[in-house]
Amino acid sequence: MNTAQNTGIIFYQNLGKLFYAIAASDKVVRKSEYDSLRKIVKAEWEKVDDIEDEFGVDASFQIEIVFDWLDHEELSAEECFTQFETFFKEYKSQFTDKLKELIWTTANTIAAAFSGMNKSELMMLGRLKLIFEK
């Protein structure tokens, strides 16, 4: 696995952390949030690049794998968000406007998946917007 491929996989893993943080911000990850994530990964994230993991699977599925694992382990939404933020700051130049827009759309889709957005999700989305604007 080359460096670019490894960085791509880590990128998708950190997106899984971010999207989990959005879904878990209210302490409950619902089936509709999982379903929304799976749908948007299949429809949008698979098209982003041609990076594959060591098993030959599109690296974008790392988003779902990490999301599932974090929910199973019941990690803190705050900790996951902070890890994404750290990754974003370190690799900021690789986050194009188009990528940020897709991340924003995905985060909003997940937040709205279960009877609209609640206060916790809105606050997390606000923090994401601030990170992207810096």
Protein backbone atom coordinates (compact mmCIF):
# COMPACT_ATOMS: atom_id res chain seq x y z
CA MET A 1 0.00 0.00 0.00
CA ASN A 2 1.49 3.35 -1.01
CA THR A 3 1.43 6.58 1.02
CA ALA A 4 -1.37 8.21 -1.00
CA GLN A 5 -3.51 5.09 -0.67
CA ASN A 6 -2.86 4.93 3.07
CA THR A 7 -3.69 8.62 3.50
CA GLY A 8 -6.90 8.09 1.50
CA ILE A 9 -7.98 5.26 3.76
CA ILE A 10 -7.21 7.35 6.86
CA PHE A 11 -9.21 10.19 5.28
CA TYR A 12 -12.29 7.98 4.96
CA GLN A 13 -11.83 6.61 8.46
CA ASN A 14 -11.83 10.15 9.82
CA LEU A 15 -15.00 10.92 7.88
CA GLY A 16 -16.54 7.90 9.60
CA LYS A 17 -15.58 9.49 12.92
CA LEU A 18 -17.12 12.82 11.93
CA PHE A 19 -20.38 11.31 10.69
CA TYR A 20 -20.61 9.14 13.80
CA ALA A 21 -20.08 12.25 15.95
CA ILE A 22 -22.98 13.97 14.19
CA ALA A 23 -25.27 10.95 14.58
CA ALA A 24 -24.22 10.26 18.19
CA SER A 25 -24.27 13.88 19.36
CA ASP A 26 -27.69 13.25 20.93
CA LYS A 27 -26.42 10.02 22.55
CA VAL A 28 -28.48 7.75 20.24
CA VAL A 29 -27.59 6.50 16.76
CA ARG A 30 -30.78 5.52 14.98
CA LYS A 31 -31.37 3.08 12.14
CA SER A 32 -32.48 5.94 9.88
CA GLU A 33 -29.09 7.61 10.42
CA TYR A 34 -27.31 4.38 9.45
CA ASP A 35 -29.53 4.03 6.40
CA SER A 36 -28.86 7.62 5.31
CA LEU A 37 -25.13 7.14 5.68
CA ARG A 38 -25.11 3.91 3.67
CA LYS A 39 -27.21 5.45 0.91
CA ILE A 40 -25.01 8.53 0.52
CA VAL A 41 -21.76 6.53 0.67
CA LYS A 42 -23.02 4.31 -2.15
CA ALA A 43 -24.46 7.18 -4.20
CA GLU A 44 -21.79 9.86 -3.70
CA TRP A 45 -18.63 8.82 -1.87
CA GLU A 46 -17.78 5.87 -4.12
CA LYS A 47 -17.37 8.35 -6.99
CA VAL A 48 -14.82 10.57 -5.20
CA ASP A 49 -11.67 8.61 -6.12
CA ASP A 50 -10.32 5.19 -7.11
CA ILE A 51 -8.59 4.35 -3.83
CA GLU A 52 -9.09 0.79 -2.60
CA ASP A 53 -8.21 -0.84 0.69
CA GLU A 54 -5.91 -3.86 1.02
CA PHE A 55 -8.85 -6.14 0.12
CA GLY A 56 -9.63 -4.36 -3.14
CA VAL A 57 -12.78 -2.71 -1.75
CA ASP A 58 -13.48 0.95 -2.46
CA ALA A 59 -11.89 2.90 0.40
CA SER A 60 -15.03 5.01 0.84
CA PHE A 61 -16.60 2.06 2.64
CA GLN A 62 -14.18 2.80 5.49
CA ILE A 63 -16.70 5.51 6.40
CA GLU A 64 -19.35 2.87 7.14
CA ILE A 65 -16.93 0.44 8.77
CA VAL A 66 -15.62 3.04 11.22
CA PHE A 67 -19.12 4.42 11.87
CA ASP A 68 -20.38 0.92 12.72
CA TRP A 69 -17.39 0.15 14.92
CA LEU A 70 -17.66 3.41 16.85
CA ASP A 71 -21.35 2.83 17.47
CA HIS A 72 -20.64 -0.72 18.65
CA GLU A 73 -17.93 0.57 21.00
CA GLU A 74 -20.15 3.53 22.01
CA LEU A 75 -17.34 6.05 21.81
CA SER A 76 -17.89 9.67 22.71
CA ALA A 77 -19.24 11.87 19.93
CA GLU A 78 -17.05 14.69 21.26
CA GLU A 79 -13.88 12.59 21.09
CA CYS A 80 -14.67 11.47 17.54
CA PHE A 81 -15.36 15.04 16.42
CA THR A 82 -12.08 16.21 17.96
CA GLN A 83 -10.17 13.46 16.14
CA PHE A 84 -11.70 14.56 12.84
CA GLU A 85 -10.88 18.20 13.59
CA THR A 86 -7.25 17.30 14.28
CA PHE A 87 -7.05 15.33 11.02
CA PHE A 88 -8.68 18.20 9.12
CA LYS A 89 -6.15 20.73 10.45
CA GLU A 90 -3.23 18.48 9.54
CA TYR A 91 -4.45 17.78 5.99
CA LYS A 92 -6.43 20.98 5.37
CA SER A 93 -4.92 21.53 1.92
CA GLN A 94 -6.40 18.25 0.69
CA PHE A 95 -9.95 19.33 1.54
CA THR A 96 -11.16 20.97 -1.66
CA ASP A 97 -14.30 23.07 -1.71
CA LYS A 98 -16.06 20.21 -3.51
CA LEU A 99 -15.04 17.73 -0.79
CA LYS A 100 -16.12 20.09 1.98
CA GLU A 101 -19.47 20.52 0.25
CA LEU A 102 -19.98 16.74 0.06
CA ILE A 103 -18.96 16.35 3.71
CA TRP A 104 -21.40 19.12 4.67
CA THR A 105 -24.22 17.54 2.66
CA THR A 106 -23.56 14.12 4.17
CA ALA A 107 -23.44 15.50 7.72
CA ASN A 108 -26.73 17.35 7.20
CA THR A 109 -28.38 14.30 5.67
CA ILE A 110 -27.42 12.18 8.68
CA ALA A 111 -28.55 14.86 11.13
CA ALA A 112 -31.92 15.23 9.43
CA ALA A 113 -32.51 11.47 9.04
CA PHE A 114 -34.54 11.05 12.22
CA SER A 115 -37.38 13.57 12.56
CA GLY A 116 -35.29 16.61 11.69
CA MET A 117 -32.27 18.04 13.44
CA ASN A 118 -32.08 18.41 17.17
CA LYS A 119 -30.09 20.90 19.22
CA SER A 120 -27.07 18.60 19.71
CA GLU A 121 -26.81 17.91 15.98
CA LEU A 122 -27.21 21.59 15.11
CA MET A 123 -24.41 22.51 17.50
CA MET A 124 -22.11 19.85 16.01
CA LEU A 125 -22.93 21.06 12.49
CA GLY A 126 -22.18 24.62 13.57
CA ARG A 127 -18.77 23.54 14.83
CA LEU A 128 -18.09 21.76 11.52
CA LYS A 129 -19.01 24.90 9.60
CA LEU A 130 -16.60 26.94 11.73
CA ILE A 131 -13.76 24.48 11.08
CA PHE A 132 -14.37 24.66 7.34
CA GLU A 133 -14.43 28.48 7.39
CA LYS A 134 -11.13 28.94 9.23
